[in-house]
Amino acid sequence: MARAKEFDEDTVLLKAMELFWEQGYEKTSMSDLVEHMGVHKRSLYDTFGDKHALYMKALQRYDQMIAHRYVINQGQSPTVAIRAMFDRTVKQKEDHSPKGCLFVNTAVELSMHDDECRKMVNQRLNNSEQFIRQLIEAGQQSGEIDEKLNAEWLASYFLNALTGLRVMVKTTEDREKLNHIVDMTMSVLEQR
């Protein structure tokens, strides 16, 4: 008869996600995971598979965790929603979560040699870009954003700027500098 699990799967998956987010995939050993997650090695393998399978599940869990960020508050203007994405990234400096974005970290660390990671990262980036494009198009329809601007190109530009900002958050303590970057990025939407 199989033994019942002595842990909550989601709780230990979140612990694994946090450790991967903080240390990266390569630096995180199975011993680190066992210790940080507080589970036996055999239970870890039985529940999540090998380290790579666990990492992929952690990425999926992270995606679920951040999905709420891509919902517009009722009545919120598109430019305010776009600005909020950037401000949230800068504010991460004050949070106690690891720096940066787990998807950006994964893109930098693994996407060149791990097809499964690259596909997942590309899917998240594409979803983010589409969300930004929808915001831009909504802003153009309401007259808040100049409709002469190419929404597709702007969405790519903002995704690139947001990705770069997520890297900058990992490398600088200069909050003023980060805020200036956000201001400059947002100035692209100012009516001419």
C-alpha atoms as a PDB file:
ATOM      1  CA  MET A   1       0.000   0.000   0.000  1.00  0.00           C
ATOM      2  CA  ALA A   2       1.367   3.423  -0.988  1.00  0.00           C
ATOM      3  CA  ARG A   3       2.128   5.895   1.767  1.00  0.00           C
ATOM      4  CA  ALA A   4       0.239   9.156   1.895  1.00  0.00           C
ATOM      5  CA  LYS A   5       2.292  12.253   1.157  1.00  0.00           C
ATOM      6  CA  GLU A   6       3.529  14.014   4.237  1.00  0.00           C
ATOM      7  CA  PHE A   7       3.681  17.414   2.559  1.00  0.00           C
ATOM      8  CA  ASP A   8       1.575  19.804   0.542  1.00  0.00           C
ATOM      9  CA  GLU A   9       2.722  19.632  -3.086  1.00  0.00           C
ATOM     10  CA  ASP A  10       2.075  23.293  -3.860  1.00  0.00           C
ATOM     11  CA  THR A  11       3.882  24.488  -0.737  1.00  0.00           C
ATOM     12  CA  VAL A  12       7.036  22.546  -1.531  1.00  0.00           C
ATOM     13  CA  LEU A  13       6.800  23.483  -5.224  1.00  0.00           C
ATOM     14  CA  LEU A  14       6.757  27.151  -4.207  1.00  0.00           C
ATOM     15  CA  LYS A  15       9.865  26.531  -2.102  1.00  0.00           C
ATOM     16  CA  ALA A  16      11.608  24.972  -5.095  1.00  0.00           C
ATOM     17  CA  MET A  17      10.516  27.878  -7.288  1.00  0.00           C
ATOM     18  CA  GLU A  18      11.938  30.391  -4.800  1.00  0.00           C
ATOM     19  CA  LEU A  19      15.271  28.570  -4.638  1.00  0.00           C
ATOM     20  CA  PHE A  20      15.572  28.309  -8.427  1.00  0.00           C
ATOM     21  CA  TRP A  21      14.576  31.974  -8.705  1.00  0.00           C
ATOM     22  CA  GLU A  22      17.220  33.001  -6.196  1.00  0.00           C
ATOM     23  CA  GLN A  23      20.095  30.762  -7.315  1.00  0.00           C
ATOM     24  CA  GLY A  24      19.314  29.768 -10.886  1.00  0.00           C
ATOM     25  CA  TYR A  25      18.995  26.292 -12.327  1.00  0.00           C
ATOM     26  CA  GLU A  26      22.644  25.323 -12.654  1.00  0.00           C
ATOM     27  CA  LYS A  27      23.692  26.484  -9.201  1.00  0.00           C
ATOM     28  CA  THR A  28      20.835  24.694  -7.460  1.00  0.00           C
ATOM     29  CA  SER A  29      21.679  21.086  -6.602  1.00  0.00           C
ATOM     30  CA  MET A  30      19.268  18.319  -5.703  1.00  0.00           C
ATOM     31  CA  SER A  31      20.735  18.431  -2.184  1.00  0.00           C
ATOM     32  CA  ASP A  32      19.904  22.146  -2.001  1.00  0.00           C
ATOM     33  CA  LEU A  33      16.356  21.399  -3.116  1.00  0.00           C
ATOM     34  CA  VAL A  34      15.869  18.560  -0.624  1.00  0.00           C
ATOM     35  CA  GLU A  35      17.088  20.768   2.207  1.00  0.00           C
ATOM     36  CA  HIS A  36      15.150  23.879   1.162  1.00  0.00           C
ATOM     37  CA  MET A  37      11.931  22.033   0.365  1.00  0.00           C
ATOM     38  CA  GLY A  38      12.088  19.917   3.502  1.00  0.00           C
ATOM     39  CA  VAL A  39      11.233  16.669   1.724  1.00  0.00           C
ATOM     40  CA  HIS A  40      13.071  13.386   1.306  1.00  0.00           C
ATOM     41  CA  LYS A  41      14.949  12.919  -1.926  1.00  0.00           C
ATOM     42  CA  ARG A  42      12.850   9.887  -2.868  1.00  0.00           C
ATOM     43  CA  SER A  43       9.625  11.836  -2.266  1.00  0.00           C
ATOM     44  CA  LEU A  44      10.935  14.663  -4.402  1.00  0.00           C
ATOM     45  CA  TYR A  45      11.658  12.311  -7.303  1.00  0.00           C
ATOM     46  CA  ASP A  46       8.384  10.400  -6.876  1.00  0.00           C
ATOM     47  CA  THR A  47       6.330  13.605  -6.833  1.00  0.00           C
ATOM     48  CA  PHE A  48       8.127  15.919  -9.262  1.00  0.00           C
ATOM     49  CA  GLY A  49      10.569  13.793 -11.234  1.00  0.00           C
ATOM     50  CA  ASP A  50      14.153  14.835 -11.843  1.00  0.00           C
ATOM     51  CA  LYS A  51      15.603  18.325 -11.350  1.00  0.00           C
ATOM     52  CA  HIS A  52      14.651  19.482 -14.843  1.00  0.00           C
ATOM     53  CA  ALA A  53      11.059  18.282 -14.482  1.00  0.00           C
ATOM     54  CA  LEU A  54      10.855  20.068 -11.123  1.00  0.00           C
ATOM     55  CA  TYR A  55      12.234  23.233 -12.714  1.00  0.00           C
ATOM     56  CA  MET A  56       9.618  23.116 -15.468  1.00  0.00           C
ATOM     57  CA  LYS A  57       6.862  22.669 -12.876  1.00  0.00           C
ATOM     58  CA  ALA A  58       8.312  25.581 -10.916  1.00  0.00           C
ATOM     59  CA  LEU A  59       8.208  27.738 -14.072  1.00  0.00           C
ATOM     60  CA  GLN A  60       4.583  26.733 -14.653  1.00  0.00           C
ATOM     61  CA  ARG A  61       3.754  27.613 -11.049  1.00  0.00           C
ATOM     62  CA  TYR A  62       5.519  30.971 -11.415  1.00  0.00           C
ATOM     63  CA  ASP A  63       3.483  31.640 -14.559  1.00  0.00           C
ATOM     64  CA  GLN A  64       0.282  30.943 -12.629  1.00  0.00           C
ATOM     65  CA  MET A  65       1.473  33.172  -9.814  1.00  0.00           C
ATOM     66  CA  ILE A  66       2.116  36.172 -12.050  1.00  0.00           C
ATOM     67  CA  ALA A  67      -0.906  35.718 -14.342  1.00  0.00           C
ATOM     68  CA  HIS A  68      -2.994  38.049 -12.167  1.00  0.00           C
ATOM     69  CA  ARG A  69      -0.620  40.863 -13.132  1.00  0.00           C
ATOM     70  CA  TYR A  70      -2.036  40.727 -16.632  1.00  0.00           C
ATOM     71  CA  VAL A  71      -5.524  41.766 -15.670  1.00  0.00           C
ATOM     72  CA  ILE A  72      -6.633  45.358 -15.986  1.00  0.00           C
ATOM     73  CA  ASN A  73      -8.440  46.821 -13.024  1.00  0.00           C
ATOM     74  CA  GLN A  74     -11.903  47.964 -13.982  1.00  0.00           C
ATOM     75  CA  GLY A  75     -11.783  51.551 -15.159  1.00  0.00           C
ATOM     76  CA  GLN A  76      -7.966  51.687 -15.236  1.00  0.00           C
ATOM     77  CA  SER A  77      -6.596  53.518 -18.248  1.00  0.00           C
ATOM     78  CA  PRO A  78      -4.286  51.614 -20.603  1.00  0.00           C
ATOM     79  CA  THR A  79      -1.305  53.896 -19.952  1.00  0.00           C
ATOM     80  CA  VAL A  80      -1.786  53.538 -16.198  1.00  0.00           C
ATOM     81  CA  ALA A  81      -1.884  49.744 -16.640  1.00  0.00           C
ATOM     82  CA  ILE A  82       1.320  49.780 -18.709  1.00  0.00           C
ATOM     83  CA  ARG A  83       3.017  52.063 -16.184  1.00  0.00           C
ATOM     84  CA  ALA A  84       1.926  49.730 -13.375  1.00  0.00           C
ATOM     85  CA  MET A  85       3.817  46.843 -15.010  1.00  0.00           C
ATOM     86  CA  PHE A  86       7.024  48.890 -14.905  1.00  0.00           C
ATOM     87  CA  ASP A  87       6.407  50.282 -11.427  1.00  0.00           C
ATOM     88  CA  ARG A  88       5.792  46.758 -10.092  1.00  0.00           C
ATOM     89  CA  THR A  89       9.163  45.710 -11.467  1.00  0.00           C
ATOM     90  CA  VAL A  90      10.946  48.618  -9.768  1.00  0.00           C
ATOM     91  CA  LYS A  91       9.002  48.053  -6.539  1.00  0.00           C
ATOM     92  CA  GLN A  92      10.324  44.505  -6.442  1.00  0.00           C
ATOM     93  CA  LYS A  93      13.470  46.043  -4.972  1.00  0.00           C
ATOM     94  CA  GLU A  94      11.484  46.621  -1.767  1.00  0.00           C
ATOM     95  CA  ASP A  95       9.905  43.172  -1.671  1.00  0.00           C
ATOM     96  CA  HIS A  96      11.562  40.194  -0.102  1.00  0.00           C
ATOM     97  CA  SER A  97      11.258  38.112  -3.252  1.00  0.00           C
ATOM     98  CA  PRO A  98      14.293  37.245  -5.363  1.00  0.00           C
ATOM     99  CA  LYS A  99      15.373  39.961  -7.774  1.00  0.00           C
ATOM    100  CA  GLY A 100      14.236  40.003 -11.340  1.00  0.00           C
ATOM    101  CA  CYS A 101      11.841  37.727 -13.160  1.00  0.00           C
ATOM    102  CA  LEU A 102      12.157  33.947 -13.186  1.00  0.00           C
ATOM    103  CA  PHE A 103      11.307  33.860 -16.901  1.00  0.00           C
ATOM    104  CA  VAL A 104      13.956  36.461 -17.741  1.00  0.00           C
ATOM    105  CA  ASN A 105      16.460  34.588 -15.566  1.00  0.00           C
ATOM    106  CA  THR A 106      15.575  31.378 -17.403  1.00  0.00           C
ATOM    107  CA  ALA A 107      15.915  33.075 -20.790  1.00  0.00           C
ATOM    108  CA  VAL A 108      19.400  34.280 -19.909  1.00  0.00           C
ATOM    109  CA  GLU A 109      20.586  31.080 -18.250  1.00  0.00           C
ATOM    110  CA  LEU A 110      18.975  28.248 -20.182  1.00  0.00           C
ATOM    111  CA  SER A 111      17.211  29.210 -23.397  1.00  0.00           C
ATOM    112  CA  MET A 112      20.281  28.789 -25.603  1.00  0.00           C
ATOM    113  CA  HIS A 113      20.626  25.091 -24.764  1.00  0.00           C
ATOM    114  CA  ASP A 114      17.261  23.947 -23.400  1.00  0.00           C
ATOM    115  CA  ASP A 115      14.457  23.786 -25.953  1.00  0.00           C
ATOM    116  CA  GLU A 116      11.737  23.126 -23.389  1.00  0.00           C
ATOM    117  CA  CYS A 117      12.723  26.183 -21.362  1.00  0.00           C
ATOM    118  CA  ARG A 118      13.045  28.318 -24.491  1.00  0.00           C
ATOM    119  CA  LYS A 119       9.528  27.343 -25.608  1.00  0.00           C
ATOM    120  CA  MET A 120       8.046  28.150 -22.209  1.00  0.00           C
ATOM    121  CA  VAL A 121       9.878  31.483 -21.983  1.00  0.00           C
ATOM    122  CA  ASN A 122       8.806  32.412 -25.519  1.00  0.00           C
ATOM    123  CA  GLN A 123       5.199  31.556 -24.711  1.00  0.00           C
ATOM    124  CA  ARG A 124       5.230  33.817 -21.628  1.00  0.00           C
ATOM    125  CA  LEU A 125       6.952  36.651 -23.526  1.00  0.00           C
ATOM    126  CA  ASN A 126       4.473  36.327 -26.404  1.00  0.00           C
ATOM    127  CA  ASN A 127       1.563  36.413 -23.968  1.00  0.00           C
ATOM    128  CA  SER A 128       3.015  39.499 -22.282  1.00  0.00           C
ATOM    129  CA  GLU A 129       3.552  41.221 -25.603  1.00  0.00           C
ATOM    130  CA  GLN A 130      -0.013  40.480 -26.688  1.00  0.00           C
ATOM    131  CA  PHE A 131      -1.330  41.877 -23.413  1.00  0.00           C
ATOM    132  CA  ILE A 132       0.674  45.076 -23.890  1.00  0.00           C
ATOM    133  CA  ARG A 133      -0.540  45.335 -27.480  1.00  0.00           C
ATOM    134  CA  GLN A 134      -4.153  45.028 -26.323  1.00  0.00           C
ATOM    135  CA  LEU A 135      -3.550  47.827 -23.833  1.00  0.00           C
ATOM    136  CA  ILE A 136      -2.023  50.024 -26.531  1.00  0.00           C
ATOM    137  CA  GLU A 137      -4.897  49.334 -28.924  1.00  0.00           C
ATOM    138  CA  ALA A 138      -7.421  50.112 -26.179  1.00  0.00           C
ATOM    139  CA  GLY A 139      -5.566  53.366 -25.522  1.00  0.00           C
ATOM    140  CA  GLN A 140      -5.673  54.204 -29.208  1.00  0.00           C
ATOM    141  CA  GLN A 141      -9.409  53.541 -29.366  1.00  0.00           C
ATOM    142  CA  SER A 142     -10.025  55.797 -26.366  1.00  0.00           C
ATOM    143  CA  GLY A 143      -7.764  58.535 -27.756  1.00  0.00           C
ATOM    144  CA  GLU A 144      -5.297  58.205 -24.901  1.00  0.00           C
ATOM    145  CA  ILE A 145      -2.544  56.916 -27.208  1.00  0.00           C
ATOM    146  CA  ASP A 146      -1.826  58.324 -30.660  1.00  0.00           C
ATOM    147  CA  GLU A 147      -3.412  55.982 -33.177  1.00  0.00           C
ATOM    148  CA  LYS A 148      -0.651  56.763 -35.707  1.00  0.00           C
ATOM    149  CA  LEU A 149       1.758  54.762 -33.546  1.00  0.00           C
ATOM    150  CA  ASN A 150       2.179  51.134 -34.609  1.00  0.00           C
ATOM    151  CA  ALA A 151       0.674  49.057 -31.774  1.00  0.00           C
ATOM    152  CA  GLU A 152       2.623  45.925 -32.712  1.00  0.00           C
ATOM    153  CA  TRP A 153       5.982  47.692 -32.714  1.00  0.00           C
ATOM    154  CA  LEU A 154       5.160  49.567 -29.528  1.00  0.00           C
ATOM    155  CA  ALA A 155       4.243  46.317 -27.793  1.00  0.00           C
ATOM    156  CA  SER A 156       7.588  44.820 -28.822  1.00  0.00           C
ATOM    157  CA  TYR A 157       9.368  47.952 -27.634  1.00  0.00           C
ATOM    158  CA  PHE A 158       7.629  47.926 -24.246  1.00  0.00           C
ATOM    159  CA  LEU A 159       8.256  44.209 -23.749  1.00  0.00           C
ATOM    160  CA  ASN A 160      11.933  44.750 -24.522  1.00  0.00           C
ATOM    161  CA  ALA A 161      12.097  47.709 -22.139  1.00  0.00           C
ATOM    162  CA  LEU A 162      10.316  45.735 -19.403  1.00  0.00           C
ATOM    163  CA  THR A 163      12.664  42.777 -19.868  1.00  0.00           C
ATOM    164  CA  GLY A 164      15.675  45.085 -19.671  1.00  0.00           C
ATOM    165  CA  LEU A 165      14.283  46.706 -16.543  1.00  0.00           C
ATOM    166  CA  ARG A 166      13.893  43.274 -14.949  1.00  0.00           C
ATOM    167  CA  VAL A 167      17.596  42.706 -15.553  1.00  0.00           C
ATOM    168  CA  MET A 168      18.496  46.181 -14.231  1.00  0.00           C
ATOM    169  CA  VAL A 169      16.577  45.490 -11.007  1.00  0.00           C
ATOM    170  CA  LYS A 170      19.007  42.623 -10.391  1.00  0.00           C
ATOM    171  CA  THR A 171      22.087  44.771 -10.919  1.00  0.00           C
ATOM    172  CA  THR A 172      21.476  48.203  -9.407  1.00  0.00           C
ATOM    173  CA  GLU A 173      20.365  49.617  -6.081  1.00  0.00           C
ATOM    174  CA  ASP A 174      19.746  53.049  -7.636  1.00  0.00           C
ATOM    175  CA  ARG A 175      15.966  53.418  -7.391  1.00  0.00           C
ATOM    176  CA  GLU A 176      16.073  56.906  -8.887  1.00  0.00           C
ATOM    177  CA  LYS A 177      17.837  55.568 -11.969  1.00  0.00           C
ATOM    178  CA  LEU A 178      15.206  52.840 -12.359  1.00  0.00           C
ATOM    179  CA  ASN A 179      12.395  55.390 -12.049  1.00  0.00           C
ATOM    180  CA  HIS A 180      14.030  57.584 -14.697  1.00  0.00           C
ATOM    181  CA  ILE A 181      14.198  54.592 -17.035  1.00  0.00           C
ATOM    182  CA  VAL A 182      10.474  54.025 -16.527  1.00  0.00           C
ATOM    183  CA  ASP A 183       9.702  57.713 -17.106  1.00  0.00           C
ATOM    184  CA  MET A 184      11.730  57.754 -20.313  1.00  0.00           C
ATOM    185  CA  THR A 185      10.090  54.565 -21.552  1.00  0.00           C
ATOM    186  CA  MET A 186       6.602  55.895 -20.861  1.00  0.00           C
ATOM    187  CA  SER A 187       7.396  59.166 -22.636  1.00  0.00           C
ATOM    188  CA  VAL A 188       7.100  57.278 -25.932  1.00  0.00           C
ATOM    189  CA  LEU A 189       3.317  57.335 -25.419  1.00  0.00           C
ATOM    190  CA  GLU A 190       3.080  61.083 -24.909  1.00  0.00           C
ATOM    191  CA  GLN A 191       0.990  62.803 -27.551  1.00  0.00           C
ATOM    192  CA  ARG A 192       3.089  64.684 -30.069  1.00  0.00           C
END
